[in-house]
């Protein structure tokens, strides 16, 4: 499909998701950047690229700029708010990050936002709250990739909890 319609936004988006699921985060980001050349106001693509940059490609400052652009395009988008919150957190602005993650969850409960909240509170040492967020993420998760990620985070949190005796 990508060869037949190389400039079709939904096909490009699907290709980026396939790259992401296969673990090729660089290709996924490049594909999303291409999508934004074709559709420069696509807030969902901006938010996804922001998350890739901050989580997988160690570019939190660039991720923050993209998340801010996504929010300016769609101020009430849960995905844009989540990306903005996570980007603030990744750049060391924890309180501002938590504020936007909470705004995202108020708009729409998503597995990704709950995972981000779990990671944020884990860093603060609140393991039980983190596990609670991950249980909610698990309920909302719709694919095996996400479930595996959540299970891995749960295991990591439990290991940290056991290591400190809490």
C-alpha atoms as a PDB file:
ATOM      1  CA  UNK A   1       0.000   0.000   0.000  1.00  0.00           C
ATOM      2  CA  UNK A   2       2.860   2.367   0.831  1.00  0.00           C
ATOM      3  CA  UNK A   3       4.369   1.836  -2.606  1.00  0.00           C
ATOM      4  CA  UNK A   4       1.039   2.479  -4.353  1.00  0.00           C
ATOM      5  CA  UNK A   5       0.150   5.556  -2.269  1.00  0.00           C
ATOM      6  CA  UNK A   6       3.391   6.913  -0.815  1.00  0.00           C
ATOM      7  CA  UNK A   7       1.817  10.279   0.073  1.00  0.00           C
ATOM      8  CA  UNK A   8      -1.391   9.052   1.695  1.00  0.00           C
ATOM      9  CA  UNK A   9      -1.349  10.240   5.351  1.00  0.00           C
ATOM     10  CA  UNK A  10      -3.123   7.226   6.846  1.00  0.00           C
ATOM     11  CA  UNK A  11      -0.789   4.802   5.066  1.00  0.00           C
ATOM     12  CA  UNK A  12       2.278   6.745   6.201  1.00  0.00           C
ATOM     13  CA  UNK A  13       0.883   6.717   9.734  1.00  0.00           C
ATOM     14  CA  UNK A  14       0.386   2.951   9.595  1.00  0.00           C
ATOM     15  CA  UNK A  15       3.935   2.432   8.321  1.00  0.00           C
ATOM     16  CA  UNK A  16       5.292   4.512  11.215  1.00  0.00           C
ATOM     17  CA  UNK A  17       3.319   2.393  13.699  1.00  0.00           C
ATOM     18  CA  UNK A  18       4.714  -0.790  12.143  1.00  0.00           C
ATOM     19  CA  UNK A  19       8.259   0.542  12.455  1.00  0.00           C
ATOM     20  CA  UNK A  20       7.574   1.459  16.064  1.00  0.00           C
ATOM     21  CA  UNK A  21       6.114  -1.950  16.908  1.00  0.00           C
ATOM     22  CA  UNK A  22       9.073  -3.675  15.283  1.00  0.00           C
ATOM     23  CA  UNK A  23      11.453  -1.632  17.436  1.00  0.00           C
ATOM     24  CA  UNK A  24      12.891   0.527  14.653  1.00  0.00           C
ATOM     25  CA  UNK A  25      12.308   3.834  16.417  1.00  0.00           C
ATOM     26  CA  UNK A  26      14.570   5.825  14.095  1.00  0.00           C
ATOM     27  CA  UNK A  27      12.568   4.723  11.029  1.00  0.00           C
ATOM     28  CA  UNK A  28       9.305   5.348  12.894  1.00  0.00           C
ATOM     29  CA  UNK A  29      10.424   8.899  13.686  1.00  0.00           C
ATOM     30  CA  UNK A  30      11.620   9.512  10.131  1.00  0.00           C
ATOM     31  CA  UNK A  31       8.269   8.293   8.811  1.00  0.00           C
ATOM     32  CA  UNK A  32       6.370  10.598  11.162  1.00  0.00           C
ATOM     33  CA  UNK A  33       8.583  13.505  10.101  1.00  0.00           C
ATOM     34  CA  UNK A  34       7.701  12.710   6.480  1.00  0.00           C
ATOM     35  CA  UNK A  35       4.020  12.597   7.424  1.00  0.00           C
ATOM     36  CA  UNK A  36       4.341  16.051   8.991  1.00  0.00           C
ATOM     37  CA  UNK A  37       5.831  17.376   5.746  1.00  0.00           C
ATOM     38  CA  UNK A  38       2.684  16.210   3.948  1.00  0.00           C
ATOM     39  CA  UNK A  39       0.277  17.104   6.765  1.00  0.00           C
ATOM     40  CA  UNK A  40       1.987  19.813   8.859  1.00  0.00           C
ATOM     41  CA  UNK A  41      -0.981  20.331  11.214  1.00  0.00           C
ATOM     42  CA  UNK A  42      -1.405  16.665  12.173  1.00  0.00           C
ATOM     43  CA  UNK A  43      -1.401  17.001  15.968  1.00  0.00           C
ATOM     44  CA  UNK A  44      -1.603  13.243  16.537  1.00  0.00           C
ATOM     45  CA  UNK A  45       1.546  12.675  14.464  1.00  0.00           C
ATOM     46  CA  UNK A  46       3.295  15.499  16.342  1.00  0.00           C
ATOM     47  CA  UNK A  47       2.334  13.931  19.674  1.00  0.00           C
ATOM     48  CA  UNK A  48       3.506  10.459  18.613  1.00  0.00           C
ATOM     49  CA  UNK A  49       6.781  11.843  17.262  1.00  0.00           C
ATOM     50  CA  UNK A  50       7.249  13.783  20.491  1.00  0.00           C
ATOM     51  CA  UNK A  51       6.882  10.580  22.526  1.00  0.00           C
ATOM     52  CA  UNK A  52       9.329   8.726  20.282  1.00  0.00           C
ATOM     53  CA  UNK A  53      11.871  11.512  20.574  1.00  0.00           C
ATOM     54  CA  UNK A  54      11.623  11.729  24.350  1.00  0.00           C
ATOM     55  CA  UNK A  55      11.257   8.020  25.184  1.00  0.00           C
ATOM     56  CA  UNK A  56      13.352   6.245  22.594  1.00  0.00           C
ATOM     57  CA  UNK A  57      15.654   8.719  20.856  1.00  0.00           C
ATOM     58  CA  UNK A  58      16.903  10.825  23.798  1.00  0.00           C
ATOM     59  CA  UNK A  59      15.800  14.157  22.350  1.00  0.00           C
ATOM     60  CA  UNK A  60      13.535  15.577  25.103  1.00  0.00           C
ATOM     61  CA  UNK A  61      14.004  19.259  24.187  1.00  0.00           C
ATOM     62  CA  UNK A  62      12.953  18.651  20.587  1.00  0.00           C
ATOM     63  CA  UNK A  63      10.104  16.469  21.861  1.00  0.00           C
ATOM     64  CA  UNK A  64       8.886  19.328  24.039  1.00  0.00           C
ATOM     65  CA  UNK A  65       8.759  21.710  21.065  1.00  0.00           C
ATOM     66  CA  UNK A  66       6.733  19.202  19.043  1.00  0.00           C
ATOM     67  CA  UNK A  67       4.361  18.536  21.926  1.00  0.00           C
ATOM     68  CA  UNK A  68       3.809  22.272  22.322  1.00  0.00           C
ATOM     69  CA  UNK A  69       3.014  22.500  18.598  1.00  0.00           C
ATOM     70  CA  UNK A  70       0.605  19.574  18.896  1.00  0.00           C
ATOM     71  CA  UNK A  71      -1.185  21.251  21.784  1.00  0.00           C
ATOM     72  CA  UNK A  72      -1.415  24.537  19.870  1.00  0.00           C
ATOM     73  CA  UNK A  73      -3.063  22.633  16.994  1.00  0.00           C
ATOM     74  CA  UNK A  74      -5.459  20.697  19.251  1.00  0.00           C
ATOM     75  CA  UNK A  75      -5.538  22.189  22.766  1.00  0.00           C
ATOM     76  CA  UNK A  76      -7.939  19.572  24.140  1.00  0.00           C
ATOM     77  CA  UNK A  77      -6.354  16.497  22.549  1.00  0.00           C
ATOM     78  CA  UNK A  78      -5.544  13.904  25.235  1.00  0.00           C
ATOM     79  CA  UNK A  79      -2.631  12.676  23.109  1.00  0.00           C
ATOM     80  CA  UNK A  80      -1.178  16.178  22.771  1.00  0.00           C
ATOM     81  CA  UNK A  81      -1.624  16.856  26.493  1.00  0.00           C
ATOM     82  CA  UNK A  82       0.008  13.519  27.350  1.00  0.00           C
ATOM     83  CA  UNK A  83       2.947  14.195  25.024  1.00  0.00           C
ATOM     84  CA  UNK A  84       3.346  17.658  26.517  1.00  0.00           C
ATOM     85  CA  UNK A  85       3.221  16.331  30.079  1.00  0.00           C
ATOM     86  CA  UNK A  86       5.698  13.572  29.342  1.00  0.00           C
ATOM     87  CA  UNK A  87       8.022  15.969  27.548  1.00  0.00           C
ATOM     88  CA  UNK A  88       7.967  18.397  30.466  1.00  0.00           C
ATOM     89  CA  UNK A  89       8.763  15.516  32.806  1.00  0.00           C
ATOM     90  CA  UNK A  90      11.597  14.302  30.564  1.00  0.00           C
ATOM     91  CA  UNK A  91      13.122  17.807  30.569  1.00  0.00           C
ATOM     92  CA  UNK A  92      13.114  17.936  34.378  1.00  0.00           C
ATOM     93  CA  UNK A  93       9.901  19.920  34.869  1.00  0.00           C
ATOM     94  CA  UNK A  94       8.155  17.263  36.950  1.00  0.00           C
ATOM     95  CA  UNK A  95       5.345  19.387  38.427  1.00  0.00           C
ATOM     96  CA  UNK A  96       4.414  20.826  35.043  1.00  0.00           C
ATOM     97  CA  UNK A  97       4.630  17.346  33.531  1.00  0.00           C
ATOM     98  CA  UNK A  98       2.271  15.912  36.121  1.00  0.00           C
ATOM     99  CA  UNK A  99      -0.150  18.798  35.571  1.00  0.00           C
ATOM    100  CA  UNK A 100      -0.442  18.073  31.847  1.00  0.00           C
ATOM    101  CA  UNK A 101      -0.629  14.307  32.335  1.00  0.00           C
ATOM    102  CA  UNK A 102      -3.542  14.868  34.724  1.00  0.00           C
ATOM    103  CA  UNK A 103      -5.195  17.171  32.153  1.00  0.00           C
ATOM    104  CA  UNK A 104      -4.796  14.432  29.551  1.00  0.00           C
ATOM    105  CA  UNK A 105      -6.441  11.867  31.820  1.00  0.00           C
ATOM    106  CA  UNK A 106      -9.312  14.246  32.575  1.00  0.00           C
ATOM    107  CA  UNK A 107      -9.955  14.590  28.839  1.00  0.00           C
ATOM    108  CA  UNK A 108      -9.729  10.852  28.179  1.00  0.00           C
ATOM    109  CA  UNK A 109      -8.293   7.971  30.114  1.00  0.00           C
ATOM    110  CA  UNK A 110      -5.622   6.335  27.968  1.00  0.00           C
ATOM    111  CA  UNK A 111      -3.219   3.511  28.691  1.00  0.00           C
ATOM    112  CA  UNK A 112      -0.248   5.619  27.588  1.00  0.00           C
ATOM    113  CA  UNK A 113      -1.066   8.493  29.959  1.00  0.00           C
ATOM    114  CA  UNK A 114      -1.504   6.062  32.856  1.00  0.00           C
ATOM    115  CA  UNK A 115       1.860   4.460  32.029  1.00  0.00           C
ATOM    116  CA  UNK A 116       3.463   7.901  32.045  1.00  0.00           C
ATOM    117  CA  UNK A 117       1.851   8.740  35.400  1.00  0.00           C
ATOM    118  CA  UNK A 118       3.126   5.428  36.768  1.00  0.00           C
ATOM    119  CA  UNK A 119       6.647   6.234  35.647  1.00  0.00           C
ATOM    120  CA  UNK A 120       6.427   9.724  37.133  1.00  0.00           C
ATOM    121  CA  UNK A 121       5.261   8.548  40.568  1.00  0.00           C
ATOM    122  CA  UNK A 122       7.724   5.640  40.536  1.00  0.00           C
ATOM    123  CA  UNK A 123      10.544   8.156  40.241  1.00  0.00           C
ATOM    124  CA  UNK A 124       9.105   9.864  43.320  1.00  0.00           C
ATOM    125  CA  UNK A 125       9.132   6.527  45.167  1.00  0.00           C
ATOM    126  CA  UNK A 126       5.366   5.974  45.319  1.00  0.00           C
ATOM    127  CA  UNK A 127       5.332   2.377  44.140  1.00  0.00           C
ATOM    128  CA  UNK A 128       1.782   1.498  45.192  1.00  0.00           C
ATOM    129  CA  UNK A 129       0.337   4.485  43.350  1.00  0.00           C
ATOM    130  CA  UNK A 130       2.423   3.552  40.312  1.00  0.00           C
ATOM    131  CA  UNK A 131       1.094  -0.019  40.363  1.00  0.00           C
ATOM    132  CA  UNK A 132      -2.436   1.392  40.597  1.00  0.00           C
ATOM    133  CA  UNK A 133      -1.859   3.502  37.500  1.00  0.00           C
ATOM    134  CA  UNK A 134      -0.481   0.455  35.693  1.00  0.00           C
ATOM    135  CA  UNK A 135      -3.576  -1.592  36.596  1.00  0.00           C
ATOM    136  CA  UNK A 136      -5.697   1.117  34.973  1.00  0.00           C
ATOM    137  CA  UNK A 137      -3.388   1.152  31.943  1.00  0.00           C
ATOM    138  CA  UNK A 138      -3.696  -2.617  31.692  1.00  0.00           C
ATOM    139  CA  UNK A 139      -7.507  -2.377  31.615  1.00  0.00           C
ATOM    140  CA  UNK A 140      -7.358   0.164  28.779  1.00  0.00           C
ATOM    141  CA  UNK A 141      -4.614  -1.548  26.811  1.00  0.00           C
ATOM    142  CA  UNK A 142      -5.725  -2.911  23.463  1.00  0.00           C
ATOM    143  CA  UNK A 143      -2.709  -4.792  22.148  1.00  0.00           C
ATOM    144  CA  UNK A 144      -0.098  -7.314  23.224  1.00  0.00           C
ATOM    145  CA  UNK A 145       2.762  -4.836  22.733  1.00  0.00           C
ATOM    146  CA  UNK A 146       1.255  -2.427  25.280  1.00  0.00           C
ATOM    147  CA  UNK A 147       0.385  -5.219  27.708  1.00  0.00           C
ATOM    148  CA  UNK A 148       3.947  -6.538  27.586  1.00  0.00           C
ATOM    149  CA  UNK A 149       5.309  -3.053  28.240  1.00  0.00           C
ATOM    150  CA  UNK A 150       2.966  -2.647  31.213  1.00  0.00           C
ATOM    151  CA  UNK A 151       3.897  -6.073  32.625  1.00  0.00           C
ATOM    152  CA  UNK A 152       7.576  -5.172  32.320  1.00  0.00           C
ATOM    153  CA  UNK A 153       7.044  -1.909  34.185  1.00  0.00           C
ATOM    154  CA  UNK A 154       5.064  -3.711  36.897  1.00  0.00           C
ATOM    155  CA  UNK A 155       7.935  -6.156  37.331  1.00  0.00           C
ATOM    156  CA  UNK A 156      10.485  -3.313  37.474  1.00  0.00           C
ATOM    157  CA  UNK A 157       8.447  -1.488  40.114  1.00  0.00           C
ATOM    158  CA  UNK A 158       7.987  -4.603  42.218  1.00  0.00           C
ATOM    159  CA  UNK A 159      11.732  -5.279  42.022  1.00  0.00           C
ATOM    160  CA  UNK A 160      12.521  -1.721  43.162  1.00  0.00           C
ATOM    161  CA  UNK A 161       9.942  -2.066  45.915  1.00  0.00           C
ATOM    162  CA  UNK A 162      11.472  -5.346  47.106  1.00  0.00           C
ATOM    163  CA  UNK A 163      15.002  -3.920  46.936  1.00  0.00           C
ATOM    164  CA  UNK A 164      14.157  -1.133  49.354  1.00  0.00           C
ATOM    165  CA  UNK A 165      11.927  -3.285  51.513  1.00  0.00           C
ATOM    166  CA  UNK A 166       8.671  -1.491  50.746  1.00  0.00           C
END
